[in-house]
Amino acid sequence: MSGPLAGVKVIELASIGPGPFCAMMLADMGAEVIRVDRAQSVRGGDPAAPPVDVLARGRKSIGVDLKHPDGVETVLQLIETADILIEGLRPGVTERLGIGPDDCLDRNPKLVYGRMTGWGQDGPMASQAGHDINYIALSGTLSMLGRNDTGPVPPINLVGDFGGGGMLLAFGLLAALTEARASSVGQVVDAAMVDGAATLAAMMHSFIAMGMWDGGRGGNMLDTGAHFYDVYETADAKWISLGGIEPQFYAEMLEKLEIDPDDLPAQHDRNQWPRAKSIIAERVAQRTRAEWDVTFTGSDACYAPVLEPAEAMAHPHNVARKTFISVAGVDQPAPAPRFSRTPSSTPTAPAHPGQHTDVVLKAWGFADERIEALRDAGAIA
């Protein structure tokens, strides 16, 4: 793999959601990421028919029994030459397995040990189960999401698992790696989705402090309260998005909609937003989405059609930027962001659990005899 992280070696303890997303991001940027799957999950599989799990792309998989002493020793030996470890288990689990931070940093003092959880490593709820919806609820962020005639609306699992989880962990790992390369001392990165979801809402907290977020859920400028920042249904039951916040963009938006500004209240008169919204909705419903695309093409009205995933992949802008790619027949987002001098290569297809056990162990310094002994003992699969 090429990319700005080429040469960085990462061990990923298999988990779900944000951990794999973080590992995917690092692999996309060129890091060598080895996923440690449970030996019990190894079922074989045809490499010519890889899994379709996009989050598992770009890395090799080894099958290890982490309840076997020799399996634990295998992971610790890999850690000796790794830069980063990623784990997404409940607090205390890796310690009980013998691959907690102290165990790993004892083997490799420069290691950056990344921990991905919902509630964090400490606090009264640290040991409780949960999912994205719970973490963003406790952060205060979920309460801000939704329209004024609904309860809070979970934005699938983008805010907790991915934005406030995996991406936060990736940022923390690279920050700690930068410091470790200067100090020669590693550390633990405690990434909690409740923390990340709160951080993502930093601007909203500014708005609250400024008195700009006082309309209740769905009653503010960026949460569908404003008529100039919302989605509208078209004549063919599709949708468009409008975001004309700034005065010049708002004026152009109204011009393209063929709405006389004098027919609307002042742009920022919150009490009149519902009336203004009904006027725009009535106007948008008179044309199809394709017709509005033609009307708004090339304008600064802050417009875009609301596309289904398959439509997004075919849109000329996304095609031109190669925003989406196909790997082993599976359409998916391309690695991002882009780099001018060290571009990322196309990710490899996801691996079957344990598919690369021998290849990886040999490449990381294990002798053939040692690999065979580990297999005979049941420590690897």
Protein backbone atom coordinates (compact mmCIF):
# COMPACT_ATOMS: atom_id res chain seq x y z
CA MET A 1 0.00 0.00 0.00
CA SER A 2 1.19 3.50 -0.78
CA GLY A 3 0.17 6.66 1.04
CA PRO A 4 1.39 9.07 3.73
CA LEU A 5 1.35 6.33 6.41
CA ALA A 6 3.46 3.85 4.44
CA GLY A 7 5.81 2.13 6.87
CA VAL A 8 3.52 2.49 9.89
CA LYS A 9 2.71 -0.92 11.40
CA VAL A 10 -0.64 -1.45 13.14
CA ILE A 11 -2.12 -4.38 15.05
CA GLU A 12 -5.92 -4.38 15.15
CA LEU A 13 -7.78 -6.63 17.56
CA ALA A 14 -10.95 -7.53 15.69
CA SER A 15 -14.06 -5.71 16.90
CA ILE A 16 -17.11 -4.08 15.32
CA GLY A 17 -18.04 -0.59 14.12
CA PRO A 18 -15.67 2.20 15.07
CA GLY A 19 -12.56 0.05 15.61
CA PRO A 20 -12.63 -1.41 12.09
CA PHE A 21 -13.47 2.03 10.67
CA CYS A 22 -10.39 3.50 12.33
CA ALA A 23 -8.26 0.62 11.05
CA MET A 24 -9.69 1.08 7.55
CA MET A 25 -8.77 4.76 7.61
CA LEU A 26 -5.19 3.99 8.61
CA ALA A 27 -4.92 1.25 5.97
CA ASP A 28 -6.38 3.59 3.34
CA MET A 29 -3.53 6.00 4.11
CA GLY A 30 -0.91 3.29 3.52
CA ALA A 31 -0.33 1.80 6.98
CA GLU A 32 0.27 -1.94 7.22
CA VAL A 33 -2.64 -3.09 9.35
CA ILE A 34 -2.84 -6.67 10.61
CA ARG A 35 -6.23 -7.69 11.95
CA VAL A 36 -6.15 -10.30 14.70
CA ASP A 37 -9.31 -12.39 14.31
CA ARG A 38 -10.42 -15.00 16.78
CA ALA A 39 -9.14 -18.44 15.81
CA GLN A 40 -12.66 -19.74 16.40
CA SER A 41 -13.96 -17.49 13.60
CA VAL A 42 -11.63 -18.97 10.98
CA ARG A 43 -13.72 -20.99 8.55
CA GLY A 44 -11.61 -20.83 5.43
CA GLY A 45 -12.96 -19.02 2.41
CA ASP A 46 -12.07 -18.51 -1.20
CA PRO A 47 -9.72 -15.51 -1.62
CA ALA A 48 -11.27 -15.04 -5.06
CA ALA A 49 -14.64 -14.42 -3.34
CA PRO A 50 -13.74 -11.99 -0.55
CA PRO A 51 -16.22 -10.76 2.07
CA VAL A 52 -18.20 -7.65 1.17
CA ASP A 53 -17.48 -5.85 4.47
CA VAL A 54 -16.08 -2.51 3.28
CA LEU A 55 -14.81 -1.66 6.76
CA ALA A 56 -12.46 -4.67 6.56
CA ARG A 57 -10.71 -3.58 3.38
CA GLY A 58 -7.01 -2.95 2.98
CA ARG A 59 -5.52 -5.30 5.54
CA LYS A 60 -4.45 -8.85 6.21
CA SER A 61 -6.01 -11.18 8.78
CA ILE A 62 -4.47 -13.70 11.13
CA GLY A 63 -6.40 -16.16 13.28
CA VAL A 64 -5.23 -16.29 16.91
CA ASP A 65 -6.70 -17.89 20.04
CA LEU A 66 -6.32 -15.09 22.59
CA LYS A 67 -7.30 -17.48 25.40
CA HIS A 68 -4.28 -19.66 24.66
CA PRO A 69 -1.00 -18.56 26.28
CA ASP A 70 0.89 -19.11 23.05
CA GLY A 71 -1.72 -17.09 21.19
CA VAL A 72 -1.23 -14.19 23.58
CA GLU A 73 2.54 -14.54 23.22
CA THR A 74 2.15 -14.44 19.43
CA VAL A 75 0.35 -11.09 19.61
CA LEU A 76 2.89 -9.71 22.07
CA GLN A 77 5.70 -10.70 19.73
CA LEU A 78 4.01 -8.87 16.87
CA ILE A 79 3.58 -5.84 19.11
CA GLU A 80 7.33 -5.67 19.68
CA THR A 81 7.80 -4.18 16.21
CA ALA A 82 4.43 -2.44 15.79
CA ASP A 83 3.76 1.28 16.03
CA ILE A 84 0.07 1.18 16.98
CA LEU A 85 -2.42 -1.23 18.53
CA ILE A 86 -6.20 -0.80 18.19
CA GLU A 87 -8.64 -2.52 20.53
CA GLY A 88 -12.39 -2.00 20.89
CA LEU A 89 -13.28 -4.33 23.75
CA ARG A 90 -14.90 -3.45 27.07
CA PRO A 91 -12.63 -1.86 29.67
CA GLY A 92 -10.52 -4.49 31.41
CA VAL A 93 -10.91 -7.25 28.82
CA THR A 94 -7.48 -6.93 27.22
CA GLU A 95 -5.91 -6.72 30.69
CA ARG A 96 -7.53 -10.05 31.58
CA LEU A 97 -6.27 -11.54 28.32
CA GLY A 98 -2.70 -10.45 29.05
CA ILE A 99 -2.49 -7.87 26.25
CA GLY A 100 -3.46 -4.75 28.17
CA PRO A 101 -1.52 -1.50 27.96
CA ASP A 102 1.03 -2.47 30.63
CA ASP A 103 1.71 -5.83 28.98
CA CYS A 104 2.16 -4.28 25.55
CA LEU A 105 4.14 -1.20 26.58
CA ASP A 106 6.45 -3.45 28.56
CA ARG A 107 7.27 -5.23 25.29
CA ASN A 108 7.37 -2.05 23.21
CA PRO A 109 7.77 1.23 25.13
CA LYS A 110 7.16 3.26 21.96
CA LEU A 111 3.78 1.66 21.24
CA VAL A 112 0.68 3.82 20.85
CA TYR A 113 -2.15 1.81 22.42
CA GLY A 114 -5.56 2.89 21.08
CA ARG A 115 -8.72 2.05 23.04
CA MET A 116 -12.15 2.50 21.45
CA THR A 117 -15.21 2.38 23.71
CA GLY A 118 -18.58 4.05 24.03
CA TRP A 119 -18.36 5.38 27.58
CA GLY A 120 -14.58 5.56 28.00
CA GLN A 121 -12.15 3.69 30.22
CA ASP A 122 -13.44 5.24 33.45
CA GLY A 123 -16.54 6.85 34.89
CA PRO A 124 -19.62 5.27 36.50
CA MET A 125 -20.95 3.91 33.19
CA ALA A 126 -17.65 2.61 31.79
CA SER A 127 -18.52 -1.07 32.21
CA GLN A 128 -22.06 -0.84 30.84
CA ALA A 129 -23.12 -2.05 27.40
CA GLY A 130 -24.35 0.47 24.87
CA HIS A 131 -24.52 1.47 21.25
CA ASP A 132 -24.12 4.62 19.16
CA ILE A 133 -27.63 5.85 19.97
CA ASN A 134 -26.92 5.71 23.72
CA TYR A 135 -23.55 7.44 23.54
CA ILE A 136 -24.77 10.35 21.45
CA ALA A 137 -27.85 10.62 23.67
CA LEU A 138 -25.74 11.06 26.81
CA SER A 139 -23.45 13.55 25.02
CA GLY A 140 -26.37 15.95 24.51
CA THR A 141 -25.91 15.81 20.75
CA LEU A 142 -28.86 13.56 19.91
CA SER A 143 -31.27 16.02 21.53
CA MET A 144 -30.39 18.55 18.82
CA LEU A 145 -31.17 16.23 15.89
CA GLY A 146 -34.64 16.11 14.41
CA ARG A 147 -37.53 18.30 13.34
CA ASN A 148 -39.74 20.32 15.63
CA ASP A 149 -42.65 17.91 15.19
CA THR A 150 -40.68 14.75 16.01
CA GLY A 151 -38.60 13.35 18.82
CA PRO A 152 -34.82 13.19 18.44
CA VAL A 153 -33.81 11.41 15.22
CA PRO A 154 -30.68 9.21 15.34
CA PRO A 155 -28.50 9.94 12.28
CA ILE A 156 -27.93 6.21 11.73
CA ASN A 157 -24.58 5.55 13.46
CA LEU A 158 -22.53 8.30 11.87
CA VAL A 159 -22.09 10.57 14.90
CA GLY A 160 -21.10 7.99 17.53
CA ASP A 161 -19.49 5.04 15.80
CA PHE A 162 -17.76 6.81 12.97
CA GLY A 163 -17.37 10.58 13.40
CA GLY A 164 -17.17 10.63 17.20
CA GLY A 165 -15.60 7.17 17.46
CA GLY A 166 -13.40 5.70 14.75
CA MET A 167 -12.33 9.01 13.24
CA LEU A 168 -11.62 10.45 16.69
CA LEU A 169 -9.47 7.42 17.49
CA ALA A 170 -7.57 7.72 14.20
CA PHE A 171 -6.84 11.38 14.97
CA GLY A 172 -5.70 10.51 18.49
CA LEU A 173 -3.49 7.66 17.33
CA LEU A 174 -1.68 9.80 14.79
CA ALA A 175 -1.26 12.63 17.29
CA ALA A 176 0.23 10.19 19.81
CA LEU A 177 2.40 8.57 17.14
CA THR A 178 3.83 11.95 16.19
CA GLU A 179 4.68 12.61 19.84
CA ALA A 180 6.12 9.11 20.35
CA ARG A 181 8.48 9.54 17.45
CA ALA A 182 9.85 12.64 19.15
CA SER A 183 9.94 11.31 22.71
CA SER A 184 10.50 7.58 22.06
CA VAL A 185 7.75 6.92 24.61
CA GLY A 186 4.33 5.55 23.76
CA GLN A 187 1.04 6.06 25.56
CA VAL A 188 -2.60 5.03 25.77
CA VAL A 189 -5.24 6.82 23.69
CA ASP A 190 -8.67 6.63 25.36
CA ALA A 191 -11.23 7.38 22.63
CA ALA A 192 -14.83 7.36 23.86
CA MET A 193 -17.81 7.88 21.59
CA VAL A 194 -19.60 9.97 24.22
CA ASP A 195 -16.61 12.35 24.21
CA GLY A 196 -16.37 12.39 20.42
CA ALA A 197 -20.08 13.03 19.92
CA ALA A 198 -19.84 15.97 22.33
CA THR A 199 -16.79 17.34 20.49
CA LEU A 200 -18.58 17.17 17.14
CA ALA A 201 -21.24 19.49 18.56
CA ALA A 202 -18.73 22.18 19.62
CA MET A 203 -20.17 24.80 17.27
CA MET A 204 -23.67 24.17 18.58
CA HIS A 205 -22.43 24.83 22.10
CA SER A 206 -21.05 28.13 20.81
CA PHE A 207 -24.47 28.94 19.37
CA ILE A 208 -26.11 28.12 22.72
CA ALA A 209 -23.71 30.46 24.52
CA MET A 210 -24.36 33.20 21.95
CA GLY A 211 -28.13 32.85 22.23
CA MET A 212 -28.32 31.60 18.64
CA TRP A 213 -29.68 28.15 19.52
CA ASP A 214 -32.89 28.89 21.34
CA GLY A 215 -35.63 27.68 19.06
CA GLY A 216 -35.83 24.16 20.43
CA ARG A 217 -35.10 21.11 18.29
CA GLY A 218 -35.89 21.81 14.65
CA GLY A 219 -36.30 25.52 15.26
CA ASN A 220 -32.78 26.83 14.57
CA MET A 221 -30.87 27.83 11.48
CA LEU A 222 -29.05 24.56 10.80
CA ASP A 223 -31.53 21.97 12.09
CA THR A 224 -34.36 22.39 9.54
CA GLY A 225 -35.89 25.33 11.38
CA ALA A 226 -34.91 27.88 8.74
CA HIS A 227 -36.62 27.97 5.35
CA PHE A 228 -33.28 28.62 3.64
CA TYR A 229 -31.56 25.55 5.14
CA ASP A 230 -33.68 22.47 4.58
CA VAL A 231 -34.72 19.76 2.14
CA TYR A 232 -37.82 20.02 -0.04
CA GLU A 233 -39.86 17.47 -1.95
CA THR A 234 -40.13 17.82 -5.72
CA ALA A 235 -42.96 17.02 -8.13
CA ASP A 236 -41.62 13.50 -8.70
CA ALA A 237 -41.42 12.67 -4.98
CA LYS A 238 -37.68 13.23 -4.84
CA TRP A 239 -35.81 15.79 -2.77
CA ILE A 240 -33.48 18.76 -3.12
CA SER A 241 -31.36 20.55 -0.52
CA LEU A 242 -31.12 24.32 -0.13
CA GLY A 243 -28.58 26.10 2.05
CA GLY A 244 -28.56 29.78 1.12
CA ILE A 245 -27.38 31.25 4.41
CA GLU A 246 -25.31 34.24 3.31
CA PRO A 247 -27.28 37.20 1.87
CA GLN A 248 -25.84 36.91 -1.63
CA PHE A 249 -26.47 33.16 -1.77
CA TYR A 250 -29.96 33.60 -0.32
CA ALA A 251 -30.76 36.17 -3.00
CA GLU A 252 -29.59 33.83 -5.74
CA MET A 253 -31.57 30.96 -4.23
CA LEU A 254 -34.77 33.00 -4.39
CA GLU A 255 -33.95 34.12 -7.92
CA LYS A 256 -33.58 30.51 -9.10
CA LEU A 257 -36.79 29.57 -7.32
CA GLU A 258 -38.47 32.52 -9.04
CA ILE A 259 -39.73 33.83 -5.70
CA ASP A 260 -39.98 37.59 -5.20
CA PRO A 261 -38.11 38.52 -1.98
CA ASP A 262 -40.96 40.90 -1.18
CA ASP A 263 -43.26 37.88 -0.93
CA LEU A 264 -41.21 36.51 1.95
CA PRO A 265 -40.58 37.86 5.44
CA ALA A 266 -37.11 38.99 6.49
CA GLN A 267 -34.66 36.13 6.13
CA HIS A 268 -33.84 35.83 9.83
CA ASP A 269 -37.28 36.48 11.27
CA ARG A 270 -37.62 33.18 13.13
CA ASN A 271 -41.31 33.69 13.83
CA GLN A 272 -41.98 33.76 10.10
CA TRP A 273 -39.80 30.82 9.09
CA PRO A 274 -42.73 28.35 8.95
CA ARG A 275 -44.65 30.63 6.56
CA ALA A 276 -41.57 31.15 4.37
CA LYS A 277 -40.94 27.43 4.34
CA SER A 278 -44.45 26.68 3.12
CA ILE A 279 -43.99 29.17 0.24
CA ILE A 280 -40.73 27.52 -0.84
CA ALA A 281 -42.16 24.02 -0.45
CA GLU A 282 -45.09 24.89 -2.68
CA ARG A 283 -42.73 26.30 -5.30
CA VAL A 284 -40.32 23.35 -5.25
CA ALA A 285 -43.21 20.89 -5.61
CA GLN A 286 -44.06 22.35 -9.01
CA ARG A 287 -41.01 20.85 -10.75
CA THR A 288 -39.17 17.55 -10.81
CA ARG A 289 -35.77 17.14 -9.26
CA ALA A 290 -34.19 16.90 -12.70
CA GLU A 291 -35.79 20.18 -13.69
CA TRP A 292 -34.44 21.87 -10.56
CA ASP A 293 -31.00 20.43 -11.36
CA VAL A 294 -31.08 22.25 -14.68
CA THR A 295 -32.28 25.46 -13.05
CA PHE A 296 -29.56 25.51 -10.39
CA THR A 297 -26.63 24.17 -12.42
CA GLY A 298 -23.59 26.41 -12.09
CA SER A 299 -25.18 28.74 -9.55
CA ASP A 300 -24.03 29.88 -6.09
CA ALA A 301 -27.44 29.26 -4.58
CA CYS A 302 -26.08 26.50 -2.32
CA TYR A 303 -28.11 23.74 -3.93
CA ALA A 304 -27.69 20.00 -4.42
CA PRO A 305 -30.08 17.19 -5.24
CA VAL A 306 -30.59 14.65 -2.46
CA LEU A 307 -29.18 11.52 -4.09
CA GLU A 308 -29.59 7.88 -3.24
CA PRO A 309 -26.22 6.07 -2.85
CA ALA A 310 -26.37 4.54 -6.33
CA GLU A 311 -27.21 7.94 -7.82
CA ALA A 312 -24.34 9.55 -5.94
CA MET A 313 -21.89 7.10 -7.46
CA ALA A 314 -22.98 8.12 -10.96
CA HIS A 315 -23.09 11.89 -10.44
CA PRO A 316 -20.65 13.68 -12.77
CA HIS A 317 -18.90 15.53 -9.95
CA ASN A 318 -18.29 12.37 -7.95
CA VAL A 319 -17.23 10.51 -11.08
CA ALA A 320 -14.76 13.26 -11.97
CA ARG A 321 -13.24 13.19 -8.47
CA LYS A 322 -13.34 9.39 -8.27
CA THR A 323 -15.18 9.74 -4.95
CA PHE A 324 -16.35 6.14 -5.27
CA ILE A 325 -14.42 3.10 -6.43
CA SER A 326 -15.08 -0.59 -6.93
CA VAL A 327 -13.04 -3.19 -5.05
CA ALA A 328 -13.64 -6.85 -5.88
CA GLY A 329 -16.97 -5.89 -7.44
CA VAL A 330 -18.20 -3.91 -4.41
CA ASP A 331 -18.88 -0.20 -4.96
CA GLN A 332 -17.66 1.89 -2.03
CA PRO A 333 -16.19 5.26 -1.04
CA ALA A 334 -12.59 5.85 -2.07
CA PRO A 335 -9.90 6.66 0.50
CA ALA A 336 -10.05 10.26 1.67
CA PRO A 337 -8.57 12.83 2.00
CA ARG A 338 -6.32 13.20 -1.06
CA PHE A 339 -2.57 13.78 -0.98
CA SER A 340 -0.58 15.54 -3.71
CA ARG A 341 2.75 13.76 -3.21
CA THR A 342 1.94 10.49 -1.45
CA PRO A 343 -1.44 9.39 -2.84
CA SER A 344 -3.16 6.36 -1.42
CA SER A 345 -3.40 3.25 -3.55
CA THR A 346 -6.63 1.40 -4.24
CA PRO A 347 -7.49 -0.67 -1.15
CA THR A 348 -7.24 -4.42 -1.29
CA ALA A 349 -10.37 -6.51 -0.80
CA PRO A 350 -11.42 -7.60 2.70
CA ALA A 351 -9.81 -10.79 3.94
CA HIS A 352 -11.44 -13.89 5.29
CA PRO A 353 -10.62 -14.36 8.99
CA GLY A 354 -7.20 -15.97 9.30
CA GLN A 355 -6.53 -15.84 5.57
CA HIS A 356 -2.97 -14.51 5.94
CA THR A 357 -1.80 -16.14 9.17
CA ASP A 358 1.29 -17.84 7.75
CA VAL A 359 2.19 -14.99 5.40
CA VAL A 360 2.01 -12.36 8.12
CA LEU A 361 3.86 -14.33 10.78
CA LYS A 362 6.70 -15.13 8.38
CA ALA A 363 6.94 -11.51 7.27
CA TRP A 364 7.03 -10.37 10.92
CA GLY A 365 9.92 -12.70 11.81
CA PHE A 366 8.37 -16.01 12.87
CA ALA A 367 10.29 -19.11 11.77
CA ASP A 368 8.44 -21.87 9.93
CA GLU A 369 9.02 -24.25 12.83
CA ARG A 370 7.51 -21.76 15.29
CA ILE A 371 4.44 -21.27 13.10
CA GLU A 372 3.93 -25.01 12.84
CA ALA A 373 4.29 -25.41 16.61
CA LEU A 374 1.73 -22.67 17.24
CA ARG A 375 -0.71 -24.32 14.89
CA ASP A 376 -0.21 -27.75 16.46
CA ALA A 377 -0.85 -26.21 19.88
CA GLY A 378 -4.08 -24.60 18.67
CA ALA A 379 -2.78 -21.09 19.33
CA ILE A 380 -3.28 -19.98 15.72
CA ALA A 381 -5.62 -20.97 12.91
